[in-house]
Protein backbone atom coordinates (compact mmCIF):
# COMPACT_ATOMS: atom_id res chain seq x y z
CA UNK A 1 246.38 105.96 332.53
CA UNK A 2 244.97 102.48 331.98
CA UNK A 3 248.42 101.21 331.07
CA UNK A 4 250.15 102.99 333.88
CA UNK A 5 251.50 100.37 336.35
CA UNK A 6 251.34 102.86 339.19
CA UNK A 7 247.57 103.24 338.86
CA UNK A 8 245.40 100.54 340.38
CA UNK A 9 242.24 99.13 338.68
CA UNK A 10 240.12 100.81 341.31
CA UNK A 11 241.73 104.23 340.68
CA UNK A 12 241.32 103.81 336.95
CA UNK A 13 237.68 102.80 337.31
CA UNK A 14 236.99 105.81 339.53
CA UNK A 15 238.82 108.21 337.19
CA UNK A 16 236.87 106.80 334.23
CA UNK A 17 233.52 107.12 336.07
CA UNK A 18 234.34 110.71 337.07
CA UNK A 19 235.29 111.60 333.48
CA UNK A 20 232.14 110.07 332.10
CA UNK A 21 229.89 111.87 334.69
CA UNK A 22 231.53 115.09 333.82
CA UNK A 23 231.10 114.50 330.10
CA UNK A 24 227.48 113.44 330.43
CA UNK A 25 226.50 116.04 333.02
CA UNK A 26 223.71 118.41 332.05
CA UNK A 27 225.30 121.80 332.58
CA UNK A 28 221.91 123.53 332.61
CA UNK A 29 221.38 121.61 335.89
CA UNK A 30 224.87 121.15 337.33
CA UNK A 31 226.85 124.13 336.24
CA UNK A 32 226.89 126.62 339.03
CA UNK A 33 228.30 129.95 337.86
CA UNK A 34 228.27 133.68 338.59
CA UNK A 35 225.51 135.06 336.39
CA UNK A 36 226.73 138.70 336.28
CA UNK A 37 224.48 141.25 334.74
CA UNK A 38 221.80 138.81 333.62
CA UNK A 39 220.80 138.81 337.27
CA UNK A 40 220.25 142.59 337.38
CA UNK A 41 216.56 142.50 336.30
CA UNK A 42 215.76 140.41 339.36
CA UNK A 43 217.17 143.13 341.63
CA UNK A 44 215.44 145.89 339.69
CA UNK A 45 212.14 144.02 339.92
CA UNK A 46 212.45 143.54 343.67
CA UNK A 47 213.26 147.17 344.28
CA UNK A 48 210.36 148.33 342.10
CA UNK A 49 207.97 145.97 343.85
CA UNK A 50 209.08 147.32 347.24
CA UNK A 51 208.58 150.87 346.07
CA UNK A 52 212.16 152.03 346.94
CA UNK A 53 212.59 153.07 343.22
CA UNK A 54 210.22 153.82 340.47
CA UNK A 55 210.22 154.59 336.78
CA UNK A 56 211.24 158.22 337.52
CA UNK A 57 214.23 157.32 339.61
CA UNK A 58 217.62 158.64 338.46
CA UNK A 59 221.16 157.48 339.25
CA UNK A 60 224.61 159.06 338.86
CA UNK A 61 227.57 156.97 337.74
CA UNK A 62 231.15 158.35 338.15
CA UNK A 63 232.71 155.16 336.77
CA UNK A 64 233.42 153.60 340.19
CA UNK A 65 232.02 153.31 343.67
CA UNK A 66 233.83 152.62 346.97
CA UNK A 67 232.23 150.16 349.32
CA UNK A 68 233.90 149.32 352.62
CA UNK A 69 237.33 150.32 351.27
CA UNK A 70 236.85 148.34 348.09
CA UNK A 71 236.64 150.10 344.69
CA UNK A 72 234.12 148.56 342.31
CA UNK A 73 234.33 149.85 338.77
CA UNK A 74 231.73 150.23 336.07
CA UNK A 75 232.35 149.09 332.51
CA UNK A 76 232.23 152.76 331.52
CA UNK A 77 235.47 153.93 333.16
CA UNK A 78 234.56 157.56 332.77
CA UNK A 79 231.09 156.87 334.11
CA UNK A 80 227.59 157.04 332.62
CA UNK A 81 226.80 160.32 334.36
CA UNK A 82 223.15 161.01 335.30
CA UNK A 83 220.79 158.36 333.94
CA UNK A 84 217.24 157.23 334.33
CA UNK A 85 216.37 153.78 335.65
CA UNK A 86 215.70 152.61 332.12
CA UNK A 87 219.09 153.86 330.93
CA UNK A 88 220.83 152.29 333.90
CA UNK A 89 219.46 148.95 332.79
CA UNK A 90 220.33 149.59 329.24
CA UNK A 91 223.88 150.62 330.22
CA UNK A 92 224.13 147.64 332.64
CA UNK A 93 225.58 150.12 335.10
CA UNK A 94 227.18 148.54 338.25
CA UNK A 95 227.12 151.66 340.41
CA UNK A 96 223.41 152.20 339.68
CA UNK A 97 222.62 148.61 340.66
CA UNK A 98 224.73 148.89 343.80
CA UNK A 99 222.61 151.94 344.68
CA UNK A 100 219.41 150.03 343.92
CA UNK A 101 220.60 147.09 346.10
CA UNK A 102 221.37 149.50 348.95
CA UNK A 103 217.90 151.06 348.69
CA UNK A 104 216.32 147.61 348.71
CA UNK A 105 218.37 146.58 351.72
CA UNK A 106 219.93 143.27 352.63
CA UNK A 107 216.87 141.83 354.44
CA UNK A 108 214.55 142.41 351.46
CA UNK A 109 217.20 141.39 349.02
CA UNK A 110 217.48 138.05 350.78
CA UNK A 111 213.75 137.73 350.96
CA UNK A 112 213.41 138.08 347.20
CA UNK A 113 216.38 135.73 346.70
CA UNK A 114 214.19 133.12 348.45
CA UNK A 115 210.98 134.13 346.74
CA UNK A 116 212.46 133.86 343.30
CA UNK A 117 213.28 130.20 344.11
CA UNK A 118 217.11 130.38 344.49
CA UNK A 119 217.16 128.65 347.89
CA UNK A 120 215.47 125.49 346.67
CA UNK A 121 215.58 123.23 343.61
CA UNK A 122 213.34 124.13 340.69
CA UNK A 123 211.46 120.87 340.66
CA UNK A 124 212.20 120.03 337.08
CA UNK A 125 211.99 116.26 336.44
CA UNK A 126 215.73 115.71 335.92
CA UNK A 127 218.24 114.25 338.31
CA UNK A 128 221.34 115.76 339.92
CA UNK A 129 220.18 119.35 339.99
CA UNK A 130 222.60 121.60 341.90
CA UNK A 131 221.48 124.33 344.29
CA UNK A 132 222.50 127.94 344.00
CA UNK A 133 225.03 129.12 346.54
CA UNK A 134 224.87 132.34 348.49
CA UNK A 135 226.20 133.92 351.70
CA UNK A 136 224.64 132.78 354.98
CA UNK A 137 221.72 135.05 355.76
CA UNK A 138 223.22 136.04 359.13
CA UNK A 139 226.34 137.46 357.39
CA UNK A 140 224.55 138.91 354.43
CA UNK A 141 222.17 141.08 356.60
CA UNK A 142 224.80 142.06 359.11
CA UNK A 143 226.69 145.41 358.98
CA UNK A 144 229.76 143.57 357.81
CA UNK A 145 227.85 142.26 354.75
CA UNK A 146 227.82 145.59 352.81
CA UNK A 147 230.30 144.31 350.24
CA UNK A 148 228.29 141.15 349.69
CA UNK A 149 225.14 143.21 349.12
CA UNK A 150 227.03 145.44 346.68
CA UNK A 151 228.46 142.63 344.55
CA UNK A 152 225.29 140.57 344.69
CA UNK A 153 223.34 143.55 343.33
CA UNK A 154 225.13 143.18 339.98
CA UNK A 155 225.21 139.38 339.94
CA UNK A 156 228.71 138.47 341.28
CA UNK A 157 230.29 136.47 344.08
CA UNK A 158 227.38 134.07 344.32
CA UNK A 159 226.56 131.22 341.94
CA UNK A 160 223.41 129.81 340.43
CA UNK A 161 222.57 127.37 337.68
CA UNK A 162 221.20 128.16 334.21
CA UNK A 163 217.85 126.45 335.06
CA UNK A 164 217.54 128.50 338.23
CA UNK A 165 218.34 131.78 336.51
CA UNK A 166 216.02 131.22 333.55
CA UNK A 167 213.22 130.14 335.95
CA UNK A 168 213.59 133.32 337.98
CA UNK A 169 213.85 135.57 334.91
CA UNK A 170 210.77 133.98 333.47
CA UNK A 171 208.88 135.13 336.57
CA UNK A 172 210.27 138.61 336.10
CA UNK A 173 208.84 138.88 332.59
CA UNK A 174 205.65 136.78 332.69
CA UNK A 175 203.61 138.84 335.11
CA UNK A 176 205.52 137.78 338.24
CA UNK A 177 204.57 134.08 338.41
CA UNK A 178 207.29 131.71 339.57
CA UNK A 179 206.45 128.48 337.68
CA UNK A 180 207.90 124.98 338.12
CA UNK A 181 209.78 124.09 334.91
CA UNK A 182 209.07 120.81 333.14
CA UNK A 183 210.18 118.95 329.99
CA UNK A 184 207.16 117.38 328.30
CA UNK A 185 203.75 119.02 328.13
CA UNK A 186 201.80 116.15 326.71
CA UNK A 187 202.02 112.57 325.48
CA UNK A 188 199.68 111.08 322.87
CA UNK A 189 199.13 107.48 321.76
CA UNK A 190 199.19 106.07 318.21
CA UNK A 191 195.58 107.24 317.62
CA UNK A 192 196.39 110.80 318.71
CA UNK A 193 194.69 110.59 322.12
CA UNK A 194 196.31 112.56 324.92
CA UNK A 195 197.31 110.02 327.56
CA UNK A 196 199.11 112.48 329.84
CA UNK A 197 199.20 116.28 330.15
CA UNK A 198 201.42 118.46 332.36
CA UNK A 199 199.43 121.34 333.78
CA UNK A 200 201.62 124.37 334.53
CA UNK A 201 202.33 124.59 338.27
CA UNK A 202 202.72 127.98 339.92
CA UNK A 203 204.90 128.06 342.96
CA UNK A 204 203.99 131.70 344.01
CA UNK A 205 203.56 135.13 342.56
CA UNK A 206 206.67 137.09 343.37
CA UNK A 207 206.01 140.51 341.83
CA UNK A 208 202.99 142.30 340.41
CA UNK A 209 201.90 142.41 336.83
CA UNK A 210 202.71 146.13 336.77
CA UNK A 211 206.23 145.60 337.99
CA UNK A 212 206.77 142.72 335.49
CA UNK A 213 205.53 144.87 332.58
CA UNK A 214 207.92 147.69 333.49
CA UNK A 215 211.05 145.55 333.85
CA UNK A 216 210.17 143.70 330.65
CA UNK A 217 209.95 147.01 328.79
CA UNK A 218 213.44 147.93 330.23
CA UNK A 219 214.81 144.61 328.88
CA UNK A 220 213.21 145.41 325.55
CA UNK A 221 215.08 148.66 325.48
CA UNK A 222 218.38 146.78 326.11
CA UNK A 223 217.98 145.32 322.68
CA UNK A 224 216.03 147.88 320.69
CA UNK A 225 216.86 151.36 321.96
CA UNK A 226 220.02 153.27 320.92
CA UNK A 227 222.89 152.59 323.39
CA UNK A 228 221.51 149.30 324.76
CA UNK A 229 224.14 146.71 325.54
CA UNK A 230 222.04 144.02 323.85
CA UNK A 231 221.67 145.75 320.50
CA UNK A 232 223.49 142.89 318.75
CA UNK A 233 220.65 140.52 319.58
CA UNK A 234 218.27 142.54 317.40
CA UNK A 235 216.92 140.72 314.39
CA UNK A 236 214.82 142.73 311.94
CA UNK A 237 211.18 141.83 311.98
CA UNK A 238 211.22 140.22 315.43
CA UNK A 239 210.40 141.76 318.79
CA UNK A 240 213.19 140.66 321.18
CA UNK A 241 214.07 141.74 324.70
CA UNK A 242 216.87 140.64 326.92
CA UNK A 243 219.88 141.25 329.20
CA UNK A 244 223.60 140.96 328.59
CA UNK A 245 226.02 139.49 331.18
CA UNK A 246 229.72 139.23 331.54
CA UNK A 247 230.98 137.91 334.89
CA UNK A 248 234.48 137.44 336.24
CA UNK A 249 235.50 134.49 338.29
CA UNK A 250 237.97 134.16 341.13
CA UNK A 251 240.11 131.32 339.65
CA UNK A 252 241.69 133.48 337.00
CA UNK A 253 241.46 137.11 335.79
CA UNK A 254 241.05 135.78 332.26
CA UNK A 255 238.19 133.41 333.22
CA UNK A 256 235.13 135.34 332.17
CA UNK A 257 231.69 133.93 331.45
CA UNK A 258 229.73 135.94 328.87
CA UNK A 259 226.03 135.41 328.35
CA UNK A 260 222.78 136.77 327.02
CA UNK A 261 219.32 136.02 328.31
CA UNK A 262 216.66 136.92 325.66
CA UNK A 263 212.99 136.41 325.05
CA UNK A 264 210.31 137.00 322.49
CA UNK A 265 207.86 138.40 321.51
CA UNK A 266 209.01 141.11 323.92
CA UNK A 267 205.47 142.27 324.66
CA UNK A 268 204.03 138.80 325.25
CA UNK A 269 206.86 136.35 325.81
CA UNK A 270 206.55 132.81 324.49
CA UNK A 271 210.22 131.93 324.11
CA UNK A 272 213.16 132.52 326.53
CA UNK A 273 216.79 131.62 325.85
CA UNK A 274 219.91 131.76 327.94
CA UNK A 275 223.05 131.42 325.98
CA UNK A 276 226.57 131.61 327.41
CA UNK A 277 230.26 131.12 326.62
CA UNK A 278 232.46 129.81 329.36
CA UNK A 279 235.95 131.28 329.32
CA UNK A 280 236.33 132.78 325.83
CA UNK A 281 240.04 132.95 325.19
CA UNK A 282 241.71 136.34 324.95
CA UNK A 283 244.36 137.07 322.35
CA UNK A 284 246.96 137.11 325.19
CA UNK A 285 246.75 137.00 328.98
CA UNK A 286 245.14 140.08 330.38
CA UNK A 287 243.72 141.32 327.06
CA UNK A 288 240.02 141.97 326.61
CA UNK A 289 239.69 140.84 322.99
CA UNK A 290 239.90 137.53 321.24
CA UNK A 291 242.53 136.68 318.63
CA UNK A 292 240.09 137.79 315.86
CA UNK A 293 239.51 141.18 317.57
CA UNK A 294 236.14 140.64 319.17
CA UNK A 295 235.68 142.34 322.50
CA UNK A 296 234.94 139.71 325.14
CA UNK A 297 231.47 140.47 326.49
CA UNK A 298 228.05 139.11 326.47
CA UNK A 299 226.81 141.86 324.18
CA UNK A 300 229.35 141.16 321.50
CA UNK A 301 229.58 137.36 321.68
CA UNK A 302 226.39 135.83 323.15
CA UNK A 303 223.73 138.38 322.10
CA UNK A 304 224.14 137.88 318.26
CA UNK A 305 223.88 134.15 318.52
CA UNK A 306 220.95 134.28 320.95
CA UNK A 307 219.12 136.64 318.63
CA UNK A 308 219.53 134.32 315.70
CA UNK A 309 218.42 131.38 317.79
CA UNK A 310 215.30 133.20 319.02
CA UNK A 311 214.43 134.22 315.48
CA UNK A 312 214.84 130.63 314.24
CA UNK A 313 212.57 129.36 317.02
CA UNK A 314 209.91 131.90 316.21
CA UNK A 315 210.11 130.92 312.56
CA UNK A 316 209.57 127.28 313.56
CA UNK A 317 206.60 128.25 315.68
CA UNK A 318 205.06 130.06 312.80
CA UNK A 319 205.48 133.68 313.96
CA UNK A 320 205.47 136.16 311.06
CA UNK A 321 207.93 138.97 310.84
CA UNK A 322 206.37 142.30 311.74
CA UNK A 323 207.15 145.89 312.54
CA UNK A 324 208.65 148.82 310.70
CA UNK A 325 212.17 147.53 311.03
CA UNK A 326 211.87 144.47 308.72
CA UNK A 327 214.07 146.26 306.12
CA UNK A 328 215.61 148.87 308.42
CA UNK A 329 219.07 148.53 306.83
CA UNK A 330 217.92 148.49 303.17
CA UNK A 331 215.13 149.02 300.58
CA UNK A 332 212.92 146.44 298.93
CA UNK A 333 213.19 146.08 295.23
CA UNK A 334 209.85 146.58 293.45
CA UNK A 335 208.52 144.50 290.54
CA UNK A 336 209.52 146.49 287.44
CA UNK A 337 209.08 144.00 284.53
CA UNK A 338 206.69 145.48 281.97
CA UNK A 339 207.38 149.14 282.91
CA UNK A 340 209.08 151.62 280.66
CA UNK A 341 212.77 152.31 281.34
CA UNK A 342 211.86 155.84 282.49
CA UNK A 343 209.25 154.59 285.01
CA UNK A 344 211.56 151.81 286.36
CA UNK A 345 214.54 154.22 286.62
CA UNK A 346 212.44 156.82 288.48
CA UNK A 347 211.14 154.14 290.93
CA UNK A 348 214.67 152.89 291.70
CA UNK A 349 216.20 156.39 291.98
CA UNK A 350 213.47 157.31 294.44
CA UNK A 351 214.59 154.45 296.60
CA UNK A 352 218.18 155.71 296.51
CA UNK A 353 219.42 153.03 294.11
CA UNK A 354 221.68 153.40 291.08
CA UNK A 355 220.44 152.07 287.73
CA UNK A 356 222.16 150.62 284.66
CA UNK A 357 220.27 149.69 281.52
CA UNK A 358 221.26 146.69 279.42
CA UNK A 359 220.01 146.21 275.88
CA UNK A 360 217.40 148.16 273.96
CA UNK A 361 213.64 148.09 274.15
CA UNK A 362 210.45 149.84 275.12
CA UNK A 363 209.84 147.92 278.37
CA UNK A 364 211.77 146.21 281.13
CA UNK A 365 211.96 142.43 280.39
CA UNK A 366 214.04 141.45 283.49
CA UNK A 367 215.74 142.99 286.44
CA UNK A 368 218.61 142.33 288.84
CA UNK A 369 218.21 141.96 291.73
CA UNK A 370 214.78 140.36 291.60
CA UNK A 371 211.66 141.96 293.01
CA UNK A 372 211.31 141.53 296.77
CA UNK A 373 215.08 141.53 297.46
CA UNK A 374 216.32 143.83 300.22
CA UNK A 375 219.46 145.79 299.35
CA UNK A 376 221.24 148.80 300.81
CA UNK A 377 220.67 152.25 299.47
CA UNK A 378 223.30 153.18 296.91
CA UNK A 379 223.38 149.71 295.42
CA UNK A 380 223.66 149.30 291.67
CA UNK A 381 220.69 147.66 289.86
CA UNK A 382 220.38 146.44 286.33
CA UNK A 383 217.29 146.71 284.07
CA UNK A 384 217.25 144.44 280.96
CA UNK A 385 215.51 145.78 277.87
CA UNK A 386 214.72 143.37 275.12
CA UNK A 387 217.17 140.71 276.28
CA UNK A 388 217.34 138.01 278.84
CA UNK A 389 219.33 138.29 282.07
CA UNK A 390 222.49 136.26 281.61
CA UNK A 391 222.63 133.02 283.53
CA UNK A 392 225.96 133.54 285.20
CA UNK A 393 227.22 132.11 288.50
CA UNK A 394 229.90 133.37 290.98
CA UNK A 395 231.48 132.13 294.18
CA UNK A 396 230.45 133.64 297.46
CA UNK A 397 233.34 135.59 299.01
CA UNK A 398 234.43 135.38 302.65
CA UNK A 399 233.23 138.55 304.39
CA UNK A 400 234.60 137.76 307.89
CA UNK A 401 235.50 140.90 309.89
CA UNK A 402 234.58 143.31 307.11
CA UNK A 403 232.87 146.64 307.72
CA UNK A 404 229.54 147.36 306.13
CA UNK A 405 231.11 149.23 303.22
CA UNK A 406 233.79 146.64 302.70
CA UNK A 407 231.21 143.75 302.58
CA UNK A 408 228.94 145.70 300.23
CA UNK A 409 231.76 146.38 297.90
CA UNK A 410 233.04 142.75 298.02
CA UNK A 411 229.69 141.48 297.06
CA UNK A 412 229.03 143.97 294.31
CA UNK A 413 232.40 143.23 292.81
CA UNK A 414 231.22 139.69 291.96
CA UNK A 415 227.65 140.69 291.17
CA UNK A 416 225.96 139.85 294.46
CA UNK A 417 223.92 142.08 296.72
CA UNK A 418 224.02 142.81 300.45
CA UNK A 419 221.00 142.24 302.69
CA UNK A 420 222.22 143.68 305.97
CA UNK A 421 220.82 142.71 309.37
CA UNK A 422 221.93 143.46 312.90
CA UNK A 423 223.61 146.77 313.57
CA UNK A 424 224.22 147.40 309.85
CA UNK A 425 226.48 150.34 308.94
CA UNK A 426 227.90 150.76 312.44
CA UNK A 427 229.28 147.24 312.80
CA UNK A 428 231.42 144.44 311.36
CA UNK A 429 230.34 141.15 309.80
CA UNK A 430 229.38 138.61 312.37
CA UNK A 431 227.92 135.98 310.07
CA UNK A 432 226.87 135.41 306.48
CA UNK A 433 223.94 133.28 305.38
CA UNK A 434 225.90 131.69 302.58
CA UNK A 435 229.26 130.06 303.20
CA UNK A 436 232.32 131.30 301.37
CA UNK A 437 232.94 129.40 298.13
CA UNK A 438 229.25 128.55 297.54
CA UNK A 439 228.20 129.02 293.94
CA UNK A 440 225.33 131.53 293.45
CA UNK A 441 223.52 133.09 290.58
CA UNK A 442 224.64 136.63 289.73
CA UNK A 443 222.16 139.10 291.33
CA UNK A 444 221.47 137.08 294.43
CA UNK A 445 220.98 138.99 297.64
CA UNK A 446 222.91 137.50 300.59
CA UNK A 447 221.94 138.13 304.15
CA UNK A 448 224.91 139.31 306.29
CA UNK A 449 224.65 140.01 310.00
CA UNK A 450 226.65 142.89 311.48
CA UNK A 451 227.48 143.46 315.12
CA UNK A 452 228.78 146.59 316.78
CA UNK A 453 232.00 145.78 318.65
CA UNK A 454 232.88 149.19 319.97
CA UNK A 455 231.72 149.21 323.65
CA UNK A 456 232.71 147.13 326.65
CA UNK A 457 229.02 146.76 327.43
CA UNK A 458 227.80 144.98 330.49
CA UNK A 459 229.39 145.51 333.79
CA UNK A 460 232.61 143.56 333.93
CA UNK A 461 235.03 145.46 336.17
CA UNK A 462 238.52 144.66 334.97
CA UNK A 463 241.51 145.96 336.89
CA UNK A 464 240.60 144.65 340.33
CA UNK A 465 238.41 146.08 342.95
CA UNK A 466 236.23 143.07 343.81
CA UNK A 467 234.78 142.53 347.26
CA UNK A 468 236.09 139.20 348.54
CA UNK A 469 233.92 136.10 349.01
CA UNK A 470 232.73 135.24 352.43
CA UNK A 471 235.37 132.53 353.12
CA UNK A 472 238.21 134.92 352.25
CA UNK A 473 237.50 137.51 354.82
């Protein structure tokens, strides 16, 4: 463009400036997008606070609902059937949320839209923050606004920024307190004296502690209970809650934004993460999977990465793994050196492990894998009697896309062991802790994360049926 004689210096300078601003723009502040199902906890919290629903409320999903001559579909085409409020959140059910929005009503919906801070900037000390966009209140609360209320109830046809959404969701899970976000808590001088400190600033309390506790428990179920759309965010030993999201846009039927908003520890949150992918590419136009066969959704794409990120942050902050699920997909190898072969074999067999003896002797002198390793039941172990374990190395295989059984077999073939995390036996390999080709000692246990890619998860309604935006009517 710079060498194009038809482009003036002024035009080039403006184009360069625009490109630089776009490149340097902080998307957390400036990207205004349709949040989709990650917004649903806000609606549920508002309805619970107003008393129009409660923990015993039930909803029926037939797979679609008609609003003002528009058919809005659920991700479960055959419907979720009768479901509790908790299951509706876990299923990310659009018809249930439409029903909840209707019970809440447009006036109260708009009131909570304001109270959760979406009509003003967050106040974070960064420039160029964009505002959320919504329908005019006069239209939204009018009889002709029924489609707007329906689509807003499951997070579509309005836009917000990541910083706005994460600020509002923080209020949903922290006891109902809308806080002003900030970047730096304190500054110290060279001697360690605090020269400035940012006190948290509460804007208002939007919902009660009771409502917040209940919605937070629903979001915990999204990750940890069977059938939750956020199950791929689960990391053994960590207490994570969250909400999946997959939102369509109006510029292209293939332009989908998938995301996951997660927090931990789920019962007393200290960390909150919003992770999204803008426009994951389908294998072909109109298809709902990527070229490598991953279903395009927040639960399948964003949740696994967000779960790993949250776990890494908790590790950095010094949180210890806890809970009964630390080794949910395997068994921990005990220390067997010094035991008789019979004692060691019995101990391993009782754990569901196969045993092979190597050498001769009265006691175990070494073992493979080593004590403390976590391996799947059915794995083959080696006990060395009167001889040293051979110092042999192998290359780590590429496990991409393998099932649990395939990955386990591929590792055992070269003398390595599987330490499964994530969905385990029900899923396929999402990531491996050691890159393919890395040289490892024989007997090393390798952590492999599995994700379940079988359900369309969280509320995207493909095949049409959207209520139009305000300006299109």
